[in-house]
Amino acid sequence: MEGKNFIAIGKILFETPAFSWNIPHSHFIVNKTESGLYQATNLEFVLDACGEALRDSIKILAGLTSYHTMNIMFNGRGHDQFEEDVYTTAMETYWREYRKIECELSRTKKDIGHKLDRYYIEAVKELIDKNMQDIIYQKAKWKAHAILEQFNNIKSDAITIDIEYKNLEAA
């Protein structure tokens, strides 16, 4: 880890409502190089992306991760290949740094997982406006199953990807 200046960590999240399977979250860490470039590294798949700005390196990495992941699912061996990729210890020193940064960020409630949970809770609250509450109340009297179907109909059928990261320089 000599010469590494880790300044951010993050997660890439996939949503695949149109498929019968999920994609596991993947994690990344960003190194600010001596030349000023940002090098984002996916810890599960050992993918690297560089950019002149932090966001650029993360966006490029998210694209590479998306391509790699979909290639595994549609042209590779799917989840069996995921398991093999994550079972290796090749990135253990990077993981150690990731966990160290995550613990440091948790001191001030800036760690990754908790913020994502709050985003999901807020997103659900936004979906349930007054009209939706009335519909739920009426439907709940008769069939709980119908409520779940309504929520499923709200979801997009497309694959979506979301990214969260924390920049230590700003923390």
Protein backbone atom coordinates (compact mmCIF):
# COMPACT_ATOMS: atom_id res chain seq x y z
CA MET A 1 0.00 0.00 0.00
CA GLU A 2 3.05 2.23 -0.18
CA GLY A 3 2.43 5.31 -2.26
CA LYS A 4 -1.35 4.98 -2.03
CA ASN A 5 -3.39 7.97 -0.94
CA PHE A 6 -6.91 6.63 -0.50
CA ILE A 7 -9.37 9.51 -0.46
CA ALA A 8 -12.78 7.91 -1.05
CA ILE A 9 -14.72 4.68 -0.76
CA GLY A 10 -18.07 3.69 -2.18
CA LYS A 11 -20.56 1.10 -3.36
CA ILE A 12 -22.11 0.37 -6.71
CA LEU A 13 -25.65 -0.92 -6.40
CA PHE A 14 -27.62 -2.66 -9.12
CA GLU A 15 -31.38 -3.03 -9.29
CA THR A 16 -32.71 -5.71 -11.64
CA PRO A 17 -36.50 -5.83 -11.17
CA ALA A 18 -37.06 -7.38 -14.61
CA PHE A 19 -34.97 -10.44 -13.71
CA SER A 20 -35.37 -13.27 -11.21
CA TRP A 21 -31.91 -12.59 -9.76
CA ASN A 22 -30.08 -9.78 -7.99
CA ILE A 23 -26.59 -8.44 -8.52
CA PRO A 24 -24.53 -8.16 -5.32
CA HIS A 25 -23.34 -4.68 -4.37
CA SER A 26 -19.75 -4.06 -5.28
CA HIS A 27 -17.33 -1.85 -3.40
CA PHE A 28 -14.62 0.50 -4.55
CA ILE A 29 -11.82 2.60 -3.17
CA VAL A 30 -10.25 5.65 -4.79
CA ASN A 31 -6.57 6.49 -4.75
CA LYS A 32 -5.38 9.99 -5.59
CA THR A 33 -2.13 9.44 -7.45
CA GLU A 34 0.98 11.58 -7.16
CA SER A 35 0.25 12.94 -10.65
CA GLY A 36 -3.18 14.14 -9.47
CA LEU A 37 -5.26 11.50 -11.26
CA TYR A 38 -7.96 9.60 -9.41
CA GLN A 39 -7.77 5.81 -9.62
CA ALA A 40 -10.98 4.00 -8.65
CA THR A 41 -10.65 0.26 -7.98
CA ASN A 42 -13.52 -2.23 -7.77
CA LEU A 43 -12.63 -4.58 -4.91
CA GLU A 44 -14.74 -7.55 -6.04
CA PHE A 45 -13.72 -7.64 -9.69
CA VAL A 46 -10.26 -6.01 -9.60
CA LEU A 47 -11.28 -3.37 -12.13
CA ASP A 48 -9.54 0.00 -12.33
CA ALA A 49 -10.57 3.31 -13.84
CA CYS A 50 -8.71 6.62 -13.89
CA GLY A 51 -9.98 10.13 -14.30
CA GLU A 52 -8.88 13.69 -13.83
CA ALA A 53 -11.69 14.24 -11.33
CA LEU A 54 -12.97 12.00 -8.54
CA ARG A 55 -16.46 11.74 -10.05
CA ASP A 56 -15.03 10.91 -13.48
CA SER A 57 -13.04 7.97 -12.18
CA ILE A 58 -16.08 6.67 -10.28
CA LYS A 59 -18.40 7.03 -13.27
CA ILE A 60 -15.94 5.22 -15.52
CA LEU A 61 -15.55 2.47 -12.93
CA ALA A 62 -19.35 2.15 -12.61
CA GLY A 63 -19.56 1.72 -16.39
CA LEU A 64 -16.82 -0.91 -16.40
CA THR A 65 -18.44 -2.70 -13.47
CA SER A 66 -21.83 -2.64 -15.18
CA TYR A 67 -20.39 -4.02 -18.41
CA HIS A 68 -18.40 -6.69 -16.57
CA THR A 69 -21.36 -7.70 -14.41
CA MET A 70 -23.85 -7.96 -17.27
CA ASN A 71 -21.28 -9.86 -19.33
CA ILE A 72 -20.94 -12.38 -16.49
CA MET A 73 -24.72 -12.74 -16.18
CA PHE A 74 -25.52 -13.02 -19.88
CA ASN A 75 -22.38 -14.51 -21.42
CA GLY A 76 -20.52 -16.02 -18.49
CA ARG A 77 -21.38 -18.39 -15.69
CA GLY A 78 -23.54 -15.99 -13.69
CA HIS A 79 -23.52 -16.21 -9.92
CA ASP A 80 -21.05 -19.12 -9.93
CA GLN A 81 -18.51 -16.77 -11.49
CA PHE A 82 -19.38 -14.02 -8.96
CA GLU A 83 -18.67 -16.43 -6.12
CA GLU A 84 -15.28 -17.35 -7.58
CA ASP A 85 -14.39 -13.68 -8.06
CA VAL A 86 -15.22 -12.66 -4.51
CA TYR A 87 -13.69 -15.75 -2.90
CA THR A 88 -10.16 -14.75 -3.84
CA THR A 89 -7.93 -12.90 -1.38
CA ALA A 90 -6.18 -10.91 -4.12
CA MET A 91 -7.66 -7.61 -2.92
CA GLU A 92 -7.41 -8.22 0.82
CA THR A 93 -4.99 -5.32 1.42
CA TYR A 94 -7.43 -2.98 -0.38
CA TRP A 95 -10.32 -4.40 1.66
CA ARG A 96 -8.38 -3.70 4.84
CA GLU A 97 -7.99 -0.05 3.80
CA TYR A 98 -11.68 0.14 2.81
CA ARG A 99 -12.78 -1.15 6.23
CA LYS A 100 -10.40 1.24 7.99
CA ILE A 101 -11.86 4.22 6.10
CA GLU A 102 -15.44 3.01 6.70
CA CYS A 103 -14.77 2.83 10.45
CA GLU A 104 -13.23 6.28 10.43
CA LEU A 105 -16.25 7.70 8.56
CA SER A 106 -18.63 6.05 11.05
CA ARG A 107 -17.22 8.22 13.85
CA THR A 108 -19.13 11.15 12.36
CA LYS A 109 -22.07 9.19 10.87
CA LYS A 110 -20.68 9.53 7.35
CA ASP A 111 -20.21 5.81 6.68
CA ILE A 112 -21.64 4.29 3.52
CA GLY A 113 -24.37 1.85 4.57
CA HIS A 114 -26.34 4.08 6.88
CA LYS A 115 -26.70 6.87 4.37
CA LEU A 116 -27.96 4.39 1.75
CA ASP A 117 -30.56 3.12 4.22
CA ARG A 118 -31.75 6.69 4.77
CA TYR A 119 -31.98 7.25 0.99
CA TYR A 120 -34.18 4.16 0.62
CA ILE A 121 -36.42 5.19 3.50
CA GLU A 122 -36.81 8.69 2.04
CA ALA A 123 -37.54 7.26 -1.42
CA VAL A 124 -40.30 5.08 0.01
CA LYS A 125 -41.73 8.04 1.93
CA GLU A 126 -41.83 10.09 -1.27
CA LEU A 127 -43.74 7.31 -3.05
CA ILE A 128 -46.35 7.20 -0.33
CA ASP A 129 -48.02 10.56 -0.75
CA LYS A 130 -51.52 11.30 0.51
CA ASN A 131 -53.22 9.67 -2.47
CA MET A 132 -51.14 6.53 -2.11
CA GLN A 133 -51.93 6.42 1.59
CA ASP A 134 -55.66 6.54 0.80
CA ILE A 135 -55.30 3.72 -1.72
CA ILE A 136 -53.32 1.63 0.74
CA TYR A 137 -55.88 2.23 3.48
CA GLN A 138 -58.79 1.17 1.26
CA LYS A 139 -57.00 -1.85 -0.17
CA ALA A 140 -55.69 -2.93 3.23
CA LYS A 141 -59.25 -3.49 4.37
CA TRP A 142 -59.66 -6.22 1.76
CA LYS A 143 -56.39 -7.66 0.50
CA ALA A 144 -52.82 -7.09 1.61
CA HIS A 145 -51.61 -8.90 -1.51
CA ALA A 146 -53.12 -6.22 -3.76
CA ILE A 147 -51.02 -3.57 -1.99
CA LEU A 148 -47.82 -5.43 -2.74
CA GLU A 149 -48.81 -5.70 -6.40
CA GLN A 150 -49.30 -1.93 -6.58
CA PHE A 151 -45.82 -1.31 -5.24
CA ASN A 152 -44.39 -3.82 -7.69
CA ASN A 153 -46.11 -1.96 -10.53
CA ILE A 154 -44.44 1.27 -9.46
CA LYS A 155 -40.95 -0.23 -9.86
CA SER A 156 -39.10 0.22 -13.12
CA ASP A 157 -38.49 -2.86 -15.26
CA ALA A 158 -35.12 -1.59 -16.40
CA ILE A 159 -31.80 -2.37 -14.80
CA THR A 160 -30.68 0.58 -12.74
CA ILE A 161 -27.39 1.35 -11.11
CA ASP A 162 -26.74 3.63 -8.18
CA ILE A 163 -23.48 4.80 -6.67
CA GLU A 164 -22.64 6.19 -3.27
CA TYR A 165 -19.21 7.34 -2.25
CA LYS A 166 -17.51 9.32 0.45
CA ASN A 167 -14.60 11.63 -0.21
CA LEU A 168 -12.21 11.83 2.73
CA GLU A 169 -10.97 15.22 1.55
CA ALA A 170 -14.44 16.66 2.14
CA ALA A 171 -15.22 14.70 5.31
